[in-house]
Amino acid sequence: MRPWNTSTEDDLRRLLNEWDPVGVADDVQDEYDCMLAPLLQRLRSGAGRIEVGEFLRHELEDHFGLDPLGMRPDAMAVRVVGWWKSTGPAGGVASP
């Protein structure tokens, strides 16, 4: 497995900031840091787009108090899982 490191967290932070569902990433670079560890844990455990999408949807609704409609958490999940597969451990462990 890929070691847990700052570079991995920084890459995932960049992805979340590009998505920016709250609309504050230009001013608050760590707005989505609360999702870094849970997402990385899921990815390292082999989570695929469905589980990641459910997590993102839950965070939007319960943590940020947003309506996920229009925020495209499933599309972001595809992006996150694709990023993980392309930069993750050899052989990849993520599933569809």
N, C-alpha and C. Protein backbone atom coordinates (compact mmCIF):
# COMPACT_ATOMS: atom_id res chain seq x y z
N MET A 1 0.83 -1.19 0.00
CA MET A 1 0.00 0.00 0.00
C MET A 1 0.87 1.24 0.00
N ARG A 2 0.33 2.26 -0.60
CA ARG A 2 1.05 3.53 -0.62
C ARG A 2 1.09 4.10 0.80
N PRO A 3 2.24 4.61 1.22
CA PRO A 3 2.32 5.18 2.56
C PRO A 3 1.46 6.44 2.67
N TRP A 4 0.99 6.67 3.86
CA TRP A 4 0.22 7.88 4.16
C TRP A 4 1.22 9.02 4.22
N ASN A 5 1.11 9.99 3.32
CA ASN A 5 2.08 11.08 3.34
C ASN A 5 1.43 12.40 2.96
N THR A 6 2.17 13.46 3.18
CA THR A 6 1.67 14.80 2.93
C THR A 6 1.35 15.01 1.46
N SER A 7 2.16 14.45 0.58
CA SER A 7 1.92 14.60 -0.85
C SER A 7 0.56 14.03 -1.25
N THR A 8 0.23 12.86 -0.73
CA THR A 8 -1.06 12.23 -1.02
C THR A 8 -2.20 13.12 -0.51
N GLU A 9 -2.06 13.60 0.71
CA GLU A 9 -3.09 14.49 1.27
C GLU A 9 -3.20 15.77 0.46
N ASP A 10 -2.07 16.33 0.06
CA ASP A 10 -2.09 17.56 -0.74
C ASP A 10 -2.79 17.35 -2.08
N ASP A 11 -2.54 16.21 -2.71
CA ASP A 11 -3.19 15.91 -4.00
C ASP A 11 -4.69 15.78 -3.83
N LEU A 12 -5.12 15.08 -2.78
CA LEU A 12 -6.55 14.93 -2.54
C LEU A 12 -7.17 16.27 -2.16
N ARG A 13 -6.46 17.07 -1.37
CA ARG A 13 -6.95 18.41 -1.00
C ARG A 13 -7.17 19.24 -2.27
N ARG A 14 -6.24 19.16 -3.21
CA ARG A 14 -6.39 19.91 -4.47
C ARG A 14 -7.66 19.48 -5.22
N LEU A 15 -7.90 18.18 -5.27
CA LEU A 15 -9.11 17.69 -5.94
C LEU A 15 -10.37 18.23 -5.26
N LEU A 16 -10.40 18.15 -3.93
CA LEU A 16 -11.57 18.63 -3.20
C LEU A 16 -11.74 20.14 -3.36
N ASN A 17 -10.63 20.88 -3.38
CA ASN A 17 -10.72 22.32 -3.57
C ASN A 17 -11.17 22.69 -4.98
N GLU A 18 -10.82 21.89 -5.96
CA GLU A 18 -11.30 22.13 -7.32
C GLU A 18 -12.81 21.90 -7.40
N TRP A 19 -13.28 20.88 -6.69
CA TRP A 19 -14.72 20.59 -6.64
C TRP A 19 -15.44 21.73 -5.90
N ASP A 20 -14.97 22.09 -4.73
CA ASP A 20 -15.40 23.23 -3.93
C ASP A 20 -16.92 23.40 -3.82
N PRO A 21 -17.62 22.41 -3.25
CA PRO A 21 -19.08 22.52 -3.16
C PRO A 21 -19.57 23.67 -2.29
N VAL A 22 -18.78 24.12 -1.33
CA VAL A 22 -19.18 25.23 -0.47
C VAL A 22 -18.88 26.58 -1.15
N GLY A 23 -17.92 26.59 -2.06
CA GLY A 23 -17.58 27.80 -2.79
C GLY A 23 -16.63 28.74 -2.05
N VAL A 24 -15.77 28.16 -1.21
CA VAL A 24 -14.85 29.00 -0.43
C VAL A 24 -13.38 28.63 -0.58
N ALA A 25 -13.06 27.68 -1.43
CA ALA A 25 -11.69 27.15 -1.51
C ALA A 25 -10.66 28.21 -1.90
N ASP A 26 -11.07 29.23 -2.62
CA ASP A 26 -10.11 30.29 -2.97
C ASP A 26 -9.62 31.02 -1.73
N ASP A 27 -10.47 31.11 -0.72
CA ASP A 27 -10.13 31.83 0.50
C ASP A 27 -9.74 30.92 1.66
N VAL A 28 -10.29 29.71 1.69
CA VAL A 28 -10.08 28.78 2.81
C VAL A 28 -9.57 27.46 2.24
N GLN A 29 -8.25 27.32 2.15
CA GLN A 29 -7.65 26.14 1.52
C GLN A 29 -7.88 24.85 2.29
N ASP A 30 -8.20 24.93 3.57
CA ASP A 30 -8.38 23.71 4.37
C ASP A 30 -9.84 23.39 4.67
N GLU A 31 -10.76 23.99 3.96
CA GLU A 31 -12.19 23.81 4.21
C GLU A 31 -12.60 22.33 4.19
N TYR A 32 -12.00 21.56 3.32
CA TYR A 32 -12.41 20.16 3.14
C TYR A 32 -11.45 19.16 3.78
N ASP A 33 -10.53 19.66 4.61
CA ASP A 33 -9.56 18.78 5.26
C ASP A 33 -10.25 17.74 6.15
N CYS A 34 -11.43 18.04 6.63
CA CYS A 34 -12.18 17.08 7.45
C CYS A 34 -12.50 15.80 6.67
N MET A 35 -12.43 15.86 5.35
CA MET A 35 -12.73 14.69 4.52
C MET A 35 -11.48 13.91 4.12
N LEU A 36 -10.30 14.48 4.32
CA LEU A 36 -9.07 13.83 3.85
C LEU A 36 -8.86 12.45 4.48
N ALA A 37 -8.78 12.38 5.78
CA ALA A 37 -8.50 11.10 6.45
C ALA A 37 -9.58 10.06 6.17
N PRO A 38 -10.87 10.41 6.30
CA PRO A 38 -11.89 9.39 6.00
C PRO A 38 -11.86 8.90 4.55
N LEU A 39 -11.61 9.81 3.62
CA LEU A 39 -11.53 9.39 2.22
C LEU A 39 -10.33 8.49 1.97
N LEU A 40 -9.19 8.89 2.50
CA LEU A 40 -7.98 8.09 2.30
C LEU A 40 -8.13 6.71 2.96
N GLN A 41 -8.75 6.65 4.11
CA GLN A 41 -8.99 5.36 4.76
C GLN A 41 -9.86 4.48 3.87
N ARG A 42 -10.91 5.05 3.32
CA ARG A 42 -11.80 4.29 2.45
C ARG A 42 -11.05 3.81 1.20
N LEU A 43 -10.32 4.69 0.59
CA LEU A 43 -9.58 4.33 -0.62
C LEU A 43 -8.55 3.24 -0.34
N ARG A 44 -7.85 3.38 0.77
CA ARG A 44 -6.84 2.37 1.12
C ARG A 44 -7.49 1.02 1.42
N SER A 45 -8.76 1.04 1.83
CA SER A 45 -9.47 -0.20 2.12
C SER A 45 -10.15 -0.79 0.89
N GLY A 46 -10.01 -0.11 -0.25
CA GLY A 46 -10.56 -0.63 -1.49
C GLY A 46 -11.91 -0.06 -1.89
N ALA A 47 -12.33 1.04 -1.28
CA ALA A 47 -13.61 1.65 -1.63
C ALA A 47 -13.64 2.05 -3.10
N GLY A 48 -14.77 1.86 -3.70
CA GLY A 48 -14.98 2.27 -5.08
C GLY A 48 -15.84 3.51 -5.16
N ARG A 49 -16.28 3.83 -6.35
CA ARG A 49 -17.02 5.07 -6.57
C ARG A 49 -18.33 5.13 -5.81
N ILE A 50 -18.99 4.00 -5.62
CA ILE A 50 -20.28 4.01 -4.91
C ILE A 50 -20.08 4.40 -3.45
N GLU A 51 -19.14 3.74 -2.78
CA GLU A 51 -18.90 4.06 -1.37
C GLU A 51 -18.37 5.48 -1.20
N VAL A 52 -17.47 5.89 -2.07
CA VAL A 52 -16.93 7.24 -1.99
C VAL A 52 -18.04 8.26 -2.27
N GLY A 53 -18.89 7.99 -3.24
CA GLY A 53 -20.01 8.89 -3.54
C GLY A 53 -20.97 9.01 -2.38
N GLU A 54 -21.26 7.90 -1.71
CA GLU A 54 -22.14 7.93 -0.54
C GLU A 54 -21.52 8.75 0.58
N PHE A 55 -20.21 8.58 0.78
CA PHE A 55 -19.52 9.37 1.80
C PHE A 55 -19.61 10.86 1.48
N LEU A 56 -19.32 11.23 0.23
CA LEU A 56 -19.35 12.65 -0.16
C LEU A 56 -20.76 13.22 0.00
N ARG A 57 -21.77 12.47 -0.41
CA ARG A 57 -23.16 12.91 -0.28
C ARG A 57 -23.50 13.14 1.21
N HIS A 58 -23.10 12.18 2.04
CA HIS A 58 -23.35 12.29 3.49
C HIS A 58 -22.67 13.55 4.05
N GLU A 59 -21.43 13.79 3.67
CA GLU A 59 -20.71 14.97 4.15
C GLU A 59 -21.39 16.25 3.72
N LEU A 60 -21.82 16.31 2.46
CA LEU A 60 -22.51 17.50 1.97
C LEU A 60 -23.76 17.78 2.80
N GLU A 61 -24.54 16.73 3.04
CA GLU A 61 -25.81 16.91 3.77
C GLU A 61 -25.61 17.12 5.26
N ASP A 62 -24.89 16.22 5.90
CA ASP A 62 -24.82 16.21 7.36
C ASP A 62 -23.75 17.13 7.94
N HIS A 63 -22.60 17.22 7.29
CA HIS A 63 -21.53 18.05 7.85
C HIS A 63 -21.65 19.50 7.38
N PHE A 64 -21.85 19.68 6.09
CA PHE A 64 -21.88 21.04 5.54
C PHE A 64 -23.29 21.63 5.45
N GLY A 65 -24.33 20.80 5.66
CA GLY A 65 -25.70 21.30 5.62
C GLY A 65 -26.16 21.72 4.24
N LEU A 66 -25.63 21.06 3.21
CA LEU A 66 -25.96 21.43 1.83
C LEU A 66 -26.86 20.37 1.19
N ASP A 67 -27.59 20.78 0.20
CA ASP A 67 -28.36 19.85 -0.61
C ASP A 67 -27.42 19.35 -1.71
N PRO A 68 -27.15 18.04 -1.75
CA PRO A 68 -26.19 17.53 -2.73
C PRO A 68 -26.66 17.61 -4.18
N LEU A 69 -27.96 17.85 -4.39
CA LEU A 69 -28.48 17.97 -5.74
C LEU A 69 -27.75 19.10 -6.46
N GLY A 70 -27.15 18.80 -7.57
CA GLY A 70 -26.40 19.79 -8.33
C GLY A 70 -24.93 19.86 -7.95
N MET A 71 -24.55 19.24 -6.85
CA MET A 71 -23.15 19.25 -6.41
C MET A 71 -22.37 18.09 -7.03
N ARG A 72 -23.07 17.15 -7.59
CA ARG A 72 -22.50 16.01 -8.30
C ARG A 72 -21.50 15.20 -7.49
N PRO A 73 -21.91 14.72 -6.30
CA PRO A 73 -20.98 13.90 -5.51
C PRO A 73 -20.56 12.62 -6.22
N ASP A 74 -21.44 12.06 -7.05
CA ASP A 74 -21.09 10.83 -7.76
C ASP A 74 -20.00 11.09 -8.80
N ALA A 75 -20.10 12.22 -9.49
CA ALA A 75 -19.06 12.58 -10.47
C ALA A 75 -17.74 12.85 -9.75
N MET A 76 -17.80 13.46 -8.58
CA MET A 76 -16.58 13.70 -7.82
C MET A 76 -16.01 12.38 -7.34
N ALA A 77 -16.86 11.44 -6.97
CA ALA A 77 -16.39 10.12 -6.54
C ALA A 77 -15.63 9.43 -7.67
N VAL A 78 -16.12 9.53 -8.88
CA VAL A 78 -15.44 8.95 -10.04
C VAL A 78 -14.05 9.59 -10.18
N ARG A 79 -13.99 10.88 -10.01
CA ARG A 79 -12.70 11.59 -10.09
C ARG A 79 -11.73 11.15 -9.01
N VAL A 80 -12.22 11.05 -7.78
CA VAL A 80 -11.37 10.66 -6.66
C VAL A 80 -10.85 9.24 -6.84
N VAL A 81 -11.74 8.33 -7.21
CA VAL A 81 -11.33 6.93 -7.40
C VAL A 81 -10.37 6.82 -8.58
N GLY A 82 -10.62 7.57 -9.64
CA GLY A 82 -9.71 7.58 -10.79
C GLY A 82 -8.33 8.10 -10.41
N TRP A 83 -8.32 9.17 -9.62
CA TRP A 83 -7.04 9.70 -9.13
C TRP A 83 -6.31 8.65 -8.30
N TRP A 84 -7.03 7.99 -7.41
CA TRP A 84 -6.42 6.98 -6.54
C TRP A 84 -5.85 5.83 -7.36
N LYS A 85 -6.61 5.37 -8.33
CA LYS A 85 -6.13 4.27 -9.17
C LYS A 85 -4.89 4.66 -9.96
N SER A 86 -4.84 5.90 -10.40
CA SER A 86 -3.71 6.32 -11.23
C SER A 86 -2.46 6.61 -10.41
N THR A 87 -2.62 6.92 -9.15
CA THR A 87 -1.46 7.25 -8.32
C THR A 87 -1.31 6.32 -7.13
N GLY A 88 -2.24 5.38 -6.98
CA GLY A 88 -2.26 4.49 -5.82
C GLY A 88 -1.25 3.38 -5.88
N PRO A 89 -1.40 2.44 -4.95
CA PRO A 89 -0.46 1.33 -4.87
C PRO A 89 -0.48 0.50 -6.16
N ALA A 90 0.62 -0.10 -6.47
CA ALA A 90 0.70 -0.93 -7.68
C ALA A 90 -0.39 -1.98 -7.67
N GLY A 91 -1.03 -2.12 -8.80
CA GLY A 91 -2.11 -3.09 -8.90
C GLY A 91 -3.44 -2.54 -8.47
N GLY A 92 -3.49 -1.38 -7.80
CA GLY A 92 -4.73 -0.75 -7.38
C GLY A 92 -5.64 -1.67 -6.60
N VAL A 93 -6.32 -1.15 -5.62
CA VAL A 93 -7.24 -1.95 -4.82
C VAL A 93 -8.65 -1.43 -4.91
N ALA A 94 -8.85 -0.28 -5.54
CA ALA A 94 -10.18 0.29 -5.62
C ALA A 94 -11.04 -0.51 -6.60
N SER A 95 -12.30 -0.58 -6.27
CA SER A 95 -13.24 -1.31 -7.11
C SER A 95 -14.24 -0.34 -7.72
N PRO A 96 -15.02 -0.79 -8.72
CA PRO A 96 -15.96 0.12 -9.37
C PRO A 96 -17.04 0.62 -8.44
